[in-house]
Amino acid sequence: MPSGVIVAGGRSTRFGDADKAVAELAGVPMIRRVADRLAGVVESLVVNCRDEQTDAIRAAMAGYDHPVRYAVDDEPDRGPMAGIRNGLRAVPDEYAFVAACDMPFLDPDFVAYLFDRAESCDAAVPRLDGWFEPTHAVYRAAAMADACDAALERGDSRVIAPLTDVEYVVVEDEEVDAHADRSTFENVNTREEFEAAAARLS
């Protein structure tokens, strides 16, 4: 099986003072909920984070079923695309699924489907209602990391910018709806969304 990358280095500004990655969501740190959803479809995990987050995230990941590596940002606050790049550089396998740390309803069957769709190209990226979902996508790790480097070097920090330099398939609305519930894409950004998610998981 391939790898998973969880991007957790953001500042969680809409969440308040706490780091939402390790906030207890219905009794389980949110990042651990994401990791547990991936456990059946990956064989190793990379967590991208800032240095000051590492101890708390390590504690949240204690006892995880697979090896966990930490890709610590050498330059924090460069945005999610830099986090994706850093995470993919630490991946031991050819392909990796990249997720944000605030997606507690990830559908592992759909993740497995995306791995199948990415075979023989560099990426499989869902696009819902015309919007790409680059933090819920499968990438060939080396190719996408190189594309991220190229985008950063040309000063383009948009999270979709690297796609111009890789060969990818788009998983459109109809295909998504045939294989997944759209809750797999839900992000928890605010305290209100967090409480609503906790109620669903309790």
Protein backbone atom coordinates (compact mmCIF):
# COMPACT_ATOMS: atom_id res chain seq x y z
CA MET A 1 0.00 0.00 0.00
CA PRO A 2 1.13 3.62 -0.52
CA SER A 3 1.58 6.51 1.90
CA GLY A 4 -0.52 9.26 3.40
CA VAL A 5 0.47 12.86 4.05
CA ILE A 6 -1.42 15.03 6.53
CA VAL A 7 -0.77 18.76 6.24
CA ALA A 8 -1.06 20.36 9.68
CA GLY A 9 1.23 23.39 9.59
CA GLY A 10 -1.39 26.11 9.23
CA ARG A 11 -2.08 28.66 11.94
CA SER A 12 -5.79 27.80 12.40
CA THR A 13 -6.62 31.51 12.56
CA ARG A 14 -10.38 30.98 12.24
CA PHE A 15 -10.33 28.42 15.05
CA GLY A 16 -9.08 30.72 17.80
CA ASP A 17 -6.02 30.42 20.01
CA ALA A 18 -5.77 26.61 20.03
CA ASP A 19 -4.15 24.39 17.39
CA LYS A 20 -7.10 22.65 15.75
CA ALA A 21 -4.88 19.78 14.59
CA VAL A 22 -4.73 18.42 18.13
CA ALA A 23 -8.05 19.72 19.43
CA GLU A 24 -10.08 16.92 21.00
CA LEU A 25 -12.89 16.17 18.57
CA ALA A 26 -15.43 13.95 20.38
CA GLY A 27 -12.58 12.69 22.57
CA VAL A 28 -9.97 12.12 19.83
CA PRO A 29 -7.45 14.67 18.51
CA MET A 30 -8.64 15.80 15.10
CA ILE A 31 -5.42 14.86 13.32
CA ARG A 32 -5.68 11.36 14.82
CA ARG A 33 -9.21 11.04 13.46
CA VAL A 34 -7.89 11.84 9.98
CA ALA A 35 -5.00 9.40 10.41
CA ASP A 36 -7.30 6.64 11.66
CA ARG A 37 -9.52 7.07 8.60
CA LEU A 38 -6.45 6.50 6.43
CA ALA A 39 -5.06 3.54 8.35
CA GLY A 40 -6.63 0.91 6.12
CA VAL A 41 -5.45 2.39 2.82
CA VAL A 42 -1.87 3.51 3.57
CA GLU A 43 1.08 1.72 5.08
CA SER A 44 2.98 4.76 6.32
CA LEU A 45 2.14 8.33 7.24
CA VAL A 46 3.92 11.66 6.99
CA VAL A 47 2.75 14.63 9.05
CA ASN A 48 3.78 18.09 7.89
CA CYS A 49 3.80 20.64 10.71
CA ARG A 50 5.69 23.51 12.33
CA ASP A 51 8.44 22.72 14.82
CA GLU A 52 6.45 23.96 17.82
CA GLN A 53 3.58 21.60 16.96
CA THR A 54 5.66 18.44 16.88
CA ASP A 55 5.45 17.34 20.52
CA ALA A 56 1.66 17.70 20.71
CA ILE A 57 1.14 15.94 17.39
CA ARG A 58 3.50 13.11 18.36
CA ALA A 59 1.42 12.64 21.52
CA ALA A 60 -1.77 12.60 19.44
CA MET A 61 -0.29 9.98 17.12
CA ALA A 62 1.05 7.69 19.89
CA GLY A 63 0.25 4.04 19.19
CA TYR A 64 -0.73 4.60 15.56
CA ASP A 65 -0.92 1.44 13.44
CA HIS A 66 1.74 2.52 10.91
CA PRO A 67 5.11 4.27 10.98
CA VAL A 68 4.78 8.06 11.22
CA ARG A 69 7.39 10.49 9.88
CA TYR A 70 7.42 14.21 10.58
CA ALA A 71 8.21 16.72 7.85
CA VAL A 72 8.82 19.89 9.82
CA ASP A 73 8.59 23.16 7.91
CA ASP A 74 12.02 24.76 7.60
CA GLU A 75 10.27 28.00 6.58
CA PRO A 76 6.89 28.18 8.38
CA ASP A 77 3.90 30.07 7.03
CA ARG A 78 4.61 29.61 3.33
CA GLY A 79 1.13 28.19 2.82
CA PRO A 80 -0.43 24.78 2.19
CA MET A 81 1.37 24.17 -1.09
CA ALA A 82 4.74 24.40 0.67
CA GLY A 83 3.37 22.02 3.30
CA ILE A 84 2.32 19.56 0.60
CA ARG A 85 5.81 19.80 -0.92
CA ASN A 86 7.53 19.20 2.41
CA GLY A 87 5.28 16.26 3.24
CA LEU A 88 5.75 14.63 -0.16
CA ARG A 89 9.54 14.95 0.09
CA ALA A 90 9.41 12.66 3.14
CA VAL A 91 7.22 10.00 1.53
CA PRO A 92 8.92 6.58 1.16
CA ASP A 93 6.56 5.35 -1.58
CA GLU A 94 5.85 6.39 -5.15
CA TYR A 95 2.33 7.65 -4.48
CA ALA A 96 0.74 9.42 -1.53
CA PHE A 97 -2.68 10.70 -0.60
CA VAL A 98 -2.54 14.25 0.76
CA ALA A 99 -5.14 15.41 3.27
CA ALA A 100 -5.62 18.47 5.41
CA CYS A 101 -5.56 17.83 9.16
CA ASP A 102 -9.15 19.06 9.56
CA MET A 103 -11.01 16.48 7.44
CA PRO A 104 -12.41 14.08 10.05
CA PHE A 105 -14.97 12.52 7.69
CA LEU A 106 -12.51 11.26 5.08
CA ASP A 107 -13.87 8.29 3.14
CA PRO A 108 -11.13 5.61 2.97
CA ASP A 109 -12.87 3.81 0.11
CA PHE A 110 -12.76 6.99 -1.96
CA VAL A 111 -9.09 7.47 -1.06
CA ALA A 112 -8.44 3.96 -2.40
CA TYR A 113 -10.37 4.88 -5.54
CA LEU A 114 -8.19 7.95 -6.04
CA PHE A 115 -5.07 5.78 -5.80
CA ASP A 116 -6.49 3.63 -8.59
CA ARG A 117 -7.29 6.70 -10.70
CA ALA A 118 -3.77 8.10 -10.28
CA GLU A 119 -2.12 4.97 -11.60
CA SER A 120 0.09 5.66 -14.64
CA CYS A 121 -0.06 9.46 -14.18
CA ASP A 122 1.16 11.99 -11.63
CA ALA A 123 -2.04 12.81 -9.77
CA ALA A 124 -5.77 12.29 -9.33
CA VAL A 125 -7.44 15.46 -8.13
CA PRO A 126 -11.17 15.84 -7.38
CA ARG A 127 -12.95 18.93 -8.68
CA LEU A 128 -16.30 19.80 -7.09
CA ASP A 129 -18.53 22.48 -8.56
CA GLY A 130 -15.55 23.72 -10.55
CA TRP A 131 -13.17 23.91 -7.58
CA PHE A 132 -10.12 21.66 -7.25
CA GLU A 133 -9.54 19.80 -3.97
CA PRO A 134 -5.71 19.63 -3.83
CA THR A 135 -5.68 18.72 -0.13
CA HIS A 136 -7.82 15.66 -0.85
CA ALA A 137 -5.87 14.16 -3.72
CA VAL A 138 -3.34 11.50 -4.69
CA TYR A 139 0.05 12.48 -6.08
CA ARG A 140 3.16 10.83 -7.42
CA ALA A 141 5.31 12.16 -4.62
CA ALA A 142 8.51 13.14 -6.42
CA ALA A 143 6.78 14.67 -9.44
CA MET A 144 4.40 16.77 -7.35
CA ALA A 145 7.15 17.90 -4.96
CA ASP A 146 9.23 19.03 -7.93
CA ALA A 147 6.20 20.87 -9.34
CA CYS A 148 5.68 22.60 -5.99
CA ASP A 149 9.31 23.69 -5.99
CA ALA A 150 8.92 25.11 -9.48
CA ALA A 151 5.78 27.02 -8.49
CA LEU A 152 7.42 28.45 -5.38
CA GLU A 153 10.48 29.48 -7.37
CA ARG A 154 8.30 31.43 -9.80
CA GLY A 155 6.52 33.09 -6.87
CA ASP A 156 3.18 31.35 -7.32
CA SER A 157 1.97 30.06 -3.94
CA ARG A 158 -1.53 29.06 -5.08
CA VAL A 159 -2.18 25.52 -3.95
CA ILE A 160 -3.30 24.52 -7.45
CA ALA A 161 -0.27 26.09 -9.18
CA PRO A 162 1.84 22.88 -9.32
CA LEU A 163 -0.81 21.09 -11.38
CA THR A 164 0.38 22.92 -14.47
CA ASP A 165 3.62 20.91 -14.30
CA VAL A 166 2.24 17.41 -13.73
CA GLU A 167 0.12 14.97 -15.70
CA TYR A 168 -3.10 14.57 -13.75
CA VAL A 169 -6.62 13.24 -14.04
CA VAL A 170 -9.58 15.23 -12.80
CA VAL A 171 -12.26 13.41 -10.81
CA GLU A 172 -15.36 15.45 -11.58
CA ASP A 173 -18.63 15.82 -9.64
CA GLU A 174 -20.48 12.92 -11.21
CA GLU A 175 -17.59 10.53 -10.62
CA VAL A 176 -17.16 11.74 -7.06
CA ASP A 177 -20.85 11.26 -6.33
CA ALA A 178 -20.71 7.73 -7.72
CA HIS A 179 -17.94 6.75 -5.31
CA ALA A 180 -18.19 8.92 -2.19
CA ASP A 181 -20.32 11.03 0.07
CA ARG A 182 -19.26 14.67 -0.17
CA SER A 183 -18.69 14.78 3.58
CA THR A 184 -15.26 13.33 2.78
CA PHE A 185 -14.24 16.84 1.68
CA GLU A 186 -15.55 18.69 4.74
CA ASN A 187 -13.10 20.95 6.55
CA VAL A 188 -13.47 22.00 10.15
CA ASN A 189 -12.34 25.62 10.25
CA THR A 190 -14.30 27.34 13.02
CA ARG A 191 -15.37 26.48 16.55
CA GLU A 192 -18.97 26.24 15.33
CA GLU A 193 -18.02 23.71 12.66
CA PHE A 194 -15.96 21.84 15.25
CA GLU A 195 -18.90 21.53 17.64
CA ALA A 196 -21.17 20.42 14.81
CA ALA A 197 -18.67 17.76 13.76
CA ALA A 198 -18.29 16.59 17.37
CA ALA A 199 -22.05 16.15 17.64
CA ARG A 200 -22.04 13.95 14.52
CA LEU A 201 -19.21 11.83 15.86
CA SER A 202 -20.52 11.40 19.39
